[in-house]
Amino acid sequence: MANPNKAKGTAWESAVRDYLNRSLGLVSDDGRPLDPFDGMTVRRAAQEGARDIGDVHAPPFVLECKDVKAPAVPTWLRQAEREAAHANYPFGAVVHKTRGRGAASGRVHVSVRTWTHVRHGLGMTADDALGLYAWAPTVRGLDSGRWYFTTTLGAFAAVLADYRSTTGMGVSRHAVR
């Protein structure tokens, strides 16, 4: 790959995909999907140009993966939610690489709207969701469109597994052990 930034981004997308698939029990020890036709397997999406559908699909989330030094979370969240709509997924989220750390330490950011919908889908109070999944709110000024919640990719894997099982999203028979 000629562009080093593109290669860096592709590597981060693959690391996110692989981490979530391992965490959800959807791949074998050598990283191959247990069921290649399982719609719950986390996949990297093909680039779609102007109607981009995000970097990684982890139903019901479209993940926009960022491996850059300077964060621009509110802008990234608008992009992730637009791409989720293009892909007909209900939720968009951003996964920002944490320098010098593994995939589990990546920072997952979601809008207040997404956090609220997911927490309601899980049947949780705000305090329970904050505590159980280590969500941290960020409030930037009076514009609530710039507010968001953050957790680690490790904690997000638990959110994803719990949301899938609680809402009956077709939990993979391989994820239940």
Protein backbone atom coordinates (compact mmCIF):
# COMPACT_ATOMS: atom_id res chain seq x y z
CA MET A 1 0.00 0.00 0.00
CA ALA A 2 1.60 3.26 -1.14
CA ASN A 3 -0.09 5.61 1.35
CA PRO A 4 1.26 5.05 4.90
CA ASN A 5 -1.75 6.76 6.54
CA LYS A 6 -4.11 4.48 4.61
CA ALA A 7 -2.10 1.45 5.74
CA LYS A 8 -2.23 2.66 9.35
CA GLY A 9 -6.01 3.12 9.14
CA THR A 10 -6.53 -0.28 7.54
CA ALA A 11 -4.43 -1.94 10.25
CA TRP A 12 -6.52 -0.26 12.99
CA GLU A 13 -9.80 -1.28 11.32
CA SER A 14 -8.57 -4.87 11.13
CA ALA A 15 -7.43 -4.80 14.77
CA VAL A 16 -10.87 -3.55 15.88
CA ARG A 17 -12.65 -6.22 13.81
CA ASP A 18 -10.39 -9.00 15.08
CA TYR A 19 -10.65 -7.89 18.72
CA LEU A 20 -14.46 -7.75 18.65
CA ASN A 21 -14.79 -11.10 16.87
CA ARG A 22 -12.49 -12.76 19.43
CA SER A 23 -14.29 -11.09 22.35
CA LEU A 24 -17.68 -12.22 21.04
CA GLY A 25 -16.49 -15.78 20.43
CA LEU A 26 -17.19 -15.58 16.70
CA VAL A 27 -13.81 -16.84 15.44
CA SER A 28 -11.68 -19.92 15.93
CA ASP A 29 -8.29 -19.83 17.66
CA ASP A 30 -6.64 -19.07 14.32
CA GLY A 31 -8.99 -16.11 13.67
CA ARG A 32 -11.28 -17.68 11.07
CA PRO A 33 -15.03 -17.10 11.38
CA LEU A 34 -16.77 -20.08 12.97
CA ASP A 35 -19.71 -19.47 10.65
CA PRO A 36 -18.85 -17.30 7.62
CA PHE A 37 -22.56 -16.74 6.97
CA ASP A 38 -23.35 -15.52 10.50
CA GLY A 39 -24.69 -11.97 10.15
CA MET A 40 -23.40 -11.08 13.61
CA THR A 41 -19.74 -11.55 12.63
CA VAL A 42 -17.92 -8.22 12.74
CA ARG A 43 -16.67 -7.26 9.26
CA ARG A 44 -14.71 -4.53 7.54
CA ALA A 45 -16.92 -2.81 4.99
CA ALA A 46 -15.99 -2.06 1.40
CA GLN A 47 -15.46 1.63 0.64
CA GLU A 48 -18.49 3.21 -0.99
CA GLY A 49 -17.30 6.72 -1.92
CA ALA A 50 -19.81 9.53 -1.36
CA ARG A 51 -22.33 7.12 0.23
CA ASP A 52 -19.72 5.60 2.55
CA ILE A 53 -21.11 2.94 4.89
CA GLY A 54 -18.40 3.10 7.58
CA ASP A 55 -15.25 1.16 8.30
CA VAL A 56 -16.43 -1.79 10.41
CA HIS A 57 -19.88 -3.32 10.75
CA ALA A 58 -20.65 -4.76 14.18
CA PRO A 59 -24.44 -5.11 14.02
CA PRO A 60 -26.27 -2.99 15.12
CA PHE A 61 -23.31 -0.55 15.00
CA VAL A 62 -21.32 1.00 12.19
CA LEU A 63 -17.88 1.83 13.55
CA GLU A 64 -15.76 4.64 12.19
CA CYS A 65 -12.15 3.76 13.11
CA LYS A 66 -9.64 6.57 13.62
CA ASP A 67 -5.87 6.22 14.10
CA VAL A 68 -4.85 9.86 14.38
CA LYS A 69 -3.13 11.93 17.05
CA ALA A 70 -5.58 14.86 17.30
CA PRO A 71 -9.18 13.84 18.11
CA ALA A 72 -12.21 15.54 16.55
CA VAL A 73 -14.88 13.44 18.25
CA PRO A 74 -18.07 15.47 17.57
CA THR A 75 -17.20 15.68 13.86
CA TRP A 76 -16.36 11.98 13.76
CA LEU A 77 -19.64 11.08 15.47
CA ARG A 78 -21.64 13.01 12.87
CA GLN A 79 -19.73 11.10 10.18
CA ALA A 80 -20.33 7.72 11.90
CA GLU A 81 -24.05 8.37 12.30
CA ARG A 82 -24.38 9.50 8.66
CA GLU A 83 -22.57 6.34 7.51
CA ALA A 84 -24.73 4.16 9.77
CA ALA A 85 -27.80 5.65 8.07
CA HIS A 86 -26.28 4.89 4.65
CA ALA A 87 -25.76 1.26 5.75
CA ASN A 88 -29.27 1.04 7.31
CA TYR A 89 -27.86 0.42 10.80
CA PRO A 90 -29.41 2.17 13.81
CA PHE A 91 -26.17 3.25 15.52
CA GLY A 92 -22.88 4.88 14.60
CA ALA A 93 -19.83 4.96 16.88
CA VAL A 94 -16.20 6.01 16.66
CA VAL A 95 -13.24 3.87 17.76
CA HIS A 96 -10.14 6.01 18.33
CA LYS A 97 -6.80 4.27 18.72
CA THR A 98 -4.95 4.90 21.98
CA ARG A 99 -1.28 5.42 21.19
CA GLY A 100 1.05 2.67 22.41
CA ARG A 101 -1.78 0.43 23.64
CA GLY A 102 -3.58 -2.62 22.31
CA ALA A 103 -7.00 -2.70 20.67
CA ALA A 104 -8.84 -3.29 23.97
CA SER A 105 -7.69 0.16 25.14
CA GLY A 106 -9.09 1.96 22.08
CA ARG A 107 -11.63 4.64 22.96
CA VAL A 108 -15.20 4.13 21.76
CA HIS A 109 -17.29 7.30 21.49
CA VAL A 110 -21.07 7.41 21.02
CA SER A 111 -23.53 10.28 20.86
CA VAL A 112 -25.89 10.96 23.74
CA ARG A 113 -28.74 9.73 21.51
CA THR A 114 -27.01 6.41 20.78
CA TRP A 115 -26.02 5.92 24.43
CA THR A 116 -29.61 6.56 25.53
CA HIS A 117 -31.11 4.16 22.96
CA VAL A 118 -28.62 1.41 23.83
CA ARG A 119 -29.10 1.81 27.57
CA HIS A 120 -32.89 1.69 27.15
CA GLY A 121 -32.50 -1.42 24.96
CA LEU A 122 -30.54 -2.98 27.81
CA GLY A 123 -33.24 -1.92 30.29
CA MET A 124 -30.74 0.03 32.39
CA THR A 125 -30.78 3.23 34.36
CA ALA A 126 -28.17 5.82 33.48
CA ASP A 127 -26.24 5.10 36.69
CA ASP A 128 -26.20 1.35 36.01
CA ALA A 129 -24.96 1.83 32.43
CA LEU A 130 -22.28 4.29 33.55
CA GLY A 131 -21.00 1.92 36.21
CA LEU A 132 -21.24 -1.42 34.45
CA TYR A 133 -19.64 -0.37 31.16
CA ALA A 134 -17.39 2.44 32.45
CA TRP A 135 -18.98 5.09 30.23
CA ALA A 136 -17.63 8.60 30.81
CA PRO A 137 -19.65 11.60 29.61
CA THR A 138 -18.03 14.54 27.85
CA VAL A 139 -19.96 17.79 27.88
CA ARG A 140 -18.61 20.50 25.58
CA GLY A 141 -20.34 23.84 26.02
CA LEU A 142 -24.07 24.40 25.78
CA ASP A 143 -24.48 22.67 22.41
CA SER A 144 -25.68 19.16 23.32
CA GLY A 145 -24.81 18.06 19.77
CA ARG A 146 -21.18 18.13 20.90
CA TRP A 147 -21.79 15.94 23.98
CA TYR A 148 -20.87 12.27 23.91
CA PHE A 149 -20.00 9.20 25.98
CA THR A 150 -16.72 7.27 25.91
CA THR A 151 -15.61 3.81 27.04
CA THR A 152 -12.89 1.37 26.03
CA LEU A 153 -13.20 -1.10 23.18
CA GLY A 154 -12.94 -3.84 25.81
CA ALA A 155 -16.01 -2.51 27.63
CA PHE A 156 -17.79 -1.84 24.34
CA ALA A 157 -17.41 -5.54 23.42
CA ALA A 158 -19.46 -6.31 26.56
CA VAL A 159 -22.03 -3.65 25.61
CA LEU A 160 -22.32 -5.18 22.14
CA ALA A 161 -22.70 -8.75 23.45
CA ASP A 162 -25.25 -7.71 26.07
CA TYR A 163 -27.24 -5.56 23.63
CA ARG A 164 -27.38 -8.38 21.10
CA SER A 165 -28.57 -10.92 23.66
CA THR A 166 -31.01 -8.56 25.43
CA THR A 167 -32.68 -7.38 22.24
CA GLY A 168 -32.72 -10.83 20.61
CA MET A 169 -30.59 -9.74 17.66
CA GLY A 170 -29.80 -13.29 16.65
CA VAL A 171 -26.95 -14.05 19.02
CA SER A 172 -24.55 -16.41 17.34
CA ARG A 173 -24.77 -19.97 18.58
CA HIS A 174 -20.97 -19.79 18.86
CA ALA A 175 -20.98 -16.84 21.25
CA VAL A 176 -22.81 -18.82 23.94
CA ARG A 177 -20.38 -21.14 25.70
